[in-house]
Amino acid sequence: MSQRDGFASGFFAGAIVGSVVGGVVGALITQRRDLELIQEDSELTNGTAEAKKTNILKRHQMKAAENEGMEIETARRSLEDKIAQLNATIDEVRKQLLNVNTNSTESLSDQASRSDELR
């Protein structure tokens, strides 16, 4: 019984410590990102040629990422269409094979009945 009590208190203590540590790490990361954004804004407002170049490069990178995402979406749609075509073809072949198997079974039973009539 004492082990269960120790487990529960340890579990809750770990959850509280983990929450505090996670909150501190998150706050530090957020603060660092805010400082980087403030520095970028100050560079852009100063109008330096270097800042403008980096801004243009970032825009190009963002556009390239968007285009890549659109290419992936187009490829996904194309693959879905091809899969649908393959499924339709598989269904047609399955129906044809079912008809062939049904006809061959009927012909075998017809042959058996004919041989019975001849006896």
C-alpha atoms as a PDB file:
ATOM      1  CA  MET A   1       0.000   0.000   0.000  1.00  0.00           C
ATOM      2  CA  SER A   2       2.855   2.399   0.785  1.00  0.00           C
ATOM      3  CA  GLN A   3       4.361   1.832  -2.656  1.00  0.00           C
ATOM      4  CA  ARG A   4       1.144   3.000  -4.302  1.00  0.00           C
ATOM      5  CA  ASP A   5       1.060   6.105  -2.152  1.00  0.00           C
ATOM      6  CA  GLY A   6       4.676   6.830  -3.035  1.00  0.00           C
ATOM      7  CA  PHE A   7       3.944   6.330  -6.713  1.00  0.00           C
ATOM      8  CA  ALA A   8       0.996   8.706  -6.723  1.00  0.00           C
ATOM      9  CA  SER A   9       2.879  11.475  -4.909  1.00  0.00           C
ATOM     10  CA  GLY A  10       5.904  10.997  -7.184  1.00  0.00           C
ATOM     11  CA  PHE A  11       3.686  11.079 -10.243  1.00  0.00           C
ATOM     12  CA  PHE A  12       2.050  14.331  -9.245  1.00  0.00           C
ATOM     13  CA  ALA A  13       5.376  15.883  -8.251  1.00  0.00           C
ATOM     14  CA  GLY A  14       6.834  14.907 -11.635  1.00  0.00           C
ATOM     15  CA  ALA A  15       3.847  16.368 -13.452  1.00  0.00           C
ATOM     16  CA  ILE A  16       4.178  19.663 -11.587  1.00  0.00           C
ATOM     17  CA  VAL A  17       7.955  19.889 -12.102  1.00  0.00           C
ATOM     18  CA  GLY A  18       7.566  18.974 -15.785  1.00  0.00           C
ATOM     19  CA  SER A  19       4.921  21.649 -16.253  1.00  0.00           C
ATOM     20  CA  VAL A  20       7.101  24.299 -14.654  1.00  0.00           C
ATOM     21  CA  VAL A  21      10.170  23.325 -16.696  1.00  0.00           C
ATOM     22  CA  GLY A  22       8.124  23.195 -19.918  1.00  0.00           C
ATOM     23  CA  GLY A  23       6.633  26.603 -19.206  1.00  0.00           C
ATOM     24  CA  VAL A  24      10.048  28.166 -18.561  1.00  0.00           C
ATOM     25  CA  VAL A  25      11.538  26.646 -21.730  1.00  0.00           C
ATOM     26  CA  GLY A  26       8.551  27.807 -23.784  1.00  0.00           C
ATOM     27  CA  ALA A  27       8.806  31.332 -22.385  1.00  0.00           C
ATOM     28  CA  LEU A  28      12.540  31.497 -23.180  1.00  0.00           C
ATOM     29  CA  ILE A  29      12.026  30.288 -26.744  1.00  0.00           C
ATOM     30  CA  THR A  30       9.197  32.751 -27.291  1.00  0.00           C
ATOM     31  CA  GLN A  31      11.267  35.607 -25.896  1.00  0.00           C
ATOM     32  CA  ARG A  32      14.196  34.734 -28.161  1.00  0.00           C
ATOM     33  CA  ARG A  33      11.947  34.637 -31.233  1.00  0.00           C
ATOM     34  CA  ASP A  34      10.409  37.980 -30.288  1.00  0.00           C
ATOM     35  CA  LEU A  35      13.872  39.524 -30.021  1.00  0.00           C
ATOM     36  CA  GLU A  36      14.813  38.162 -33.454  1.00  0.00           C
ATOM     37  CA  LEU A  37      11.644  39.630 -34.961  1.00  0.00           C
ATOM     38  CA  ILE A  38      12.322  42.997 -33.358  1.00  0.00           C
ATOM     39  CA  GLN A  39      15.866  42.986 -34.773  1.00  0.00           C
ATOM     40  CA  GLU A  40      14.574  42.118 -38.245  1.00  0.00           C
ATOM     41  CA  ASP A  41      11.995  44.888 -38.063  1.00  0.00           C
ATOM     42  CA  SER A  42      14.624  47.426 -37.020  1.00  0.00           C
ATOM     43  CA  GLU A  43      16.868  46.344 -39.905  1.00  0.00           C
ATOM     44  CA  LEU A  44      14.007  46.673 -42.369  1.00  0.00           C
ATOM     45  CA  THR A  45      13.013  50.112 -41.104  1.00  0.00           C
ATOM     46  CA  ASN A  46      16.621  51.324 -41.391  1.00  0.00           C
ATOM     47  CA  GLY A  47      16.377  50.479 -45.080  1.00  0.00           C
ATOM     48  CA  THR A  48      19.787  48.907 -45.454  1.00  0.00           C
ATOM     49  CA  ALA A  49      20.425  47.161 -48.734  1.00  0.00           C
ATOM     50  CA  GLU A  50      21.432  43.988 -46.935  1.00  0.00           C
ATOM     51  CA  ALA A  51      18.171  43.849 -45.006  1.00  0.00           C
ATOM     52  CA  LYS A  52      16.204  44.347 -48.210  1.00  0.00           C
ATOM     53  CA  LYS A  53      18.119  41.513 -49.872  1.00  0.00           C
ATOM     54  CA  THR A  54      17.441  39.149 -46.993  1.00  0.00           C
ATOM     55  CA  ASN A  55      13.780  40.147 -47.056  1.00  0.00           C
ATOM     56  CA  ILE A  56      13.591  39.422 -50.794  1.00  0.00           C
ATOM     57  CA  LEU A  57      15.353  36.070 -50.276  1.00  0.00           C
ATOM     58  CA  LYS A  58      12.896  35.136 -47.546  1.00  0.00           C
ATOM     59  CA  ARG A  59       9.974  35.979 -49.817  1.00  0.00           C
ATOM     60  CA  HIS A  60      11.439  33.838 -52.591  1.00  0.00           C
ATOM     61  CA  GLN A  61      11.919  30.965 -50.165  1.00  0.00           C
ATOM     62  CA  MET A  62       8.329  31.269 -48.989  1.00  0.00           C
ATOM     63  CA  LYS A  63       7.056  31.292 -52.577  1.00  0.00           C
ATOM     64  CA  ALA A  64       9.204  28.260 -53.402  1.00  0.00           C
ATOM     65  CA  ALA A  65       7.785  26.435 -50.390  1.00  0.00           C
ATOM     66  CA  GLU A  66       4.232  27.309 -51.488  1.00  0.00           C
ATOM     67  CA  ASN A  67       4.952  26.103 -55.033  1.00  0.00           C
ATOM     68  CA  GLU A  68       6.388  22.878 -53.667  1.00  0.00           C
ATOM     69  CA  GLY A  69       3.258  22.386 -51.602  1.00  0.00           C
ATOM     70  CA  MET A  70       1.112  22.947 -54.681  1.00  0.00           C
ATOM     71  CA  GLU A  71       3.218  20.455 -56.661  1.00  0.00           C
ATOM     72  CA  ILE A  72       2.775  17.876 -53.929  1.00  0.00           C
ATOM     73  CA  GLU A  73      -0.995  18.461 -53.928  1.00  0.00           C
ATOM     74  CA  THR A  74      -1.118  18.081 -57.725  1.00  0.00           C
ATOM     75  CA  ALA A  75       0.882  14.852 -57.545  1.00  0.00           C
ATOM     76  CA  ARG A  76      -1.395  13.537 -54.784  1.00  0.00           C
ATOM     77  CA  ARG A  77      -4.510  14.246 -56.852  1.00  0.00           C
ATOM     78  CA  SER A  78      -2.951  12.604 -59.897  1.00  0.00           C
ATOM     79  CA  LEU A  79      -2.132   9.498 -57.869  1.00  0.00           C
ATOM     80  CA  GLU A  80      -5.669   9.377 -56.467  1.00  0.00           C
ATOM     81  CA  ASP A  81      -7.065   9.510 -60.016  1.00  0.00           C
ATOM     82  CA  LYS A  82      -4.771   6.704 -61.131  1.00  0.00           C
ATOM     83  CA  ILE A  83      -5.734   4.599 -58.125  1.00  0.00           C
ATOM     84  CA  ALA A  84      -9.420   5.121 -58.937  1.00  0.00           C
ATOM     85  CA  GLN A  85      -8.780   4.015 -62.537  1.00  0.00           C
ATOM     86  CA  LEU A  86      -6.922   0.921 -61.344  1.00  0.00           C
ATOM     87  CA  ASN A  87      -9.734   0.037 -58.945  1.00  0.00           C
ATOM     88  CA  ALA A  88     -12.295   0.381 -61.751  1.00  0.00           C
ATOM     89  CA  THR A  89     -10.180  -1.845 -64.000  1.00  0.00           C
ATOM     90  CA  ILE A  90      -9.791  -4.426 -61.244  1.00  0.00           C
ATOM     91  CA  ASP A  91     -13.571  -4.482 -60.739  1.00  0.00           C
ATOM     92  CA  GLU A  92     -14.142  -5.007 -64.479  1.00  0.00           C
ATOM     93  CA  VAL A  93     -11.638  -7.879 -64.621  1.00  0.00           C
ATOM     94  CA  ARG A  94     -13.173  -9.409 -61.506  1.00  0.00           C
ATOM     95  CA  LYS A  95     -16.627  -9.340 -63.154  1.00  0.00           C
ATOM     96  CA  GLN A  96     -15.253 -10.884 -66.336  1.00  0.00           C
ATOM     97  CA  LEU A  97     -13.548 -13.650 -64.395  1.00  0.00           C
ATOM     98  CA  LEU A  98     -16.728 -14.287 -62.446  1.00  0.00           C
ATOM     99  CA  ASN A  99     -18.651 -14.617 -65.720  1.00  0.00           C
ATOM    100  CA  VAL A 100     -15.995 -16.964 -67.141  1.00  0.00           C
ATOM    101  CA  ASN A 101     -16.014 -19.111 -63.996  1.00  0.00           C
ATOM    102  CA  THR A 102     -19.829 -19.177 -63.913  1.00  0.00           C
ATOM    103  CA  ASN A 103     -20.006 -20.188 -67.586  1.00  0.00           C
ATOM    104  CA  SER A 104     -17.382 -22.907 -67.178  1.00  0.00           C
ATOM    105  CA  THR A 105     -19.224 -24.307 -64.141  1.00  0.00           C
ATOM    106  CA  GLU A 106     -22.477 -24.363 -66.087  1.00  0.00           C
ATOM    107  CA  SER A 107     -20.824 -26.074 -69.049  1.00  0.00           C
ATOM    108  CA  LEU A 108     -19.350 -28.730 -66.736  1.00  0.00           C
ATOM    109  CA  SER A 109     -22.762 -29.406 -65.227  1.00  0.00           C
ATOM    110  CA  ASP A 110     -24.268 -29.568 -68.744  1.00  0.00           C
ATOM    111  CA  GLN A 111     -21.616 -32.090 -69.764  1.00  0.00           C
ATOM    112  CA  ALA A 112     -22.287 -34.137 -66.666  1.00  0.00           C
ATOM    113  CA  SER A 113     -26.013 -34.208 -67.347  1.00  0.00           C
ATOM    114  CA  ARG A 114     -25.410 -35.214 -70.986  1.00  0.00           C
ATOM    115  CA  SER A 115     -23.136 -38.052 -69.936  1.00  0.00           C
ATOM    116  CA  ASP A 116     -25.821 -39.188 -67.469  1.00  0.00           C
ATOM    117  CA  GLU A 117     -28.389 -39.187 -70.286  1.00  0.00           C
ATOM    118  CA  LEU A 118     -26.127 -41.303 -72.486  1.00  0.00           C
ATOM    119  CA  ARG A 119     -25.780 -43.964 -69.797  1.00  0.00           C
END
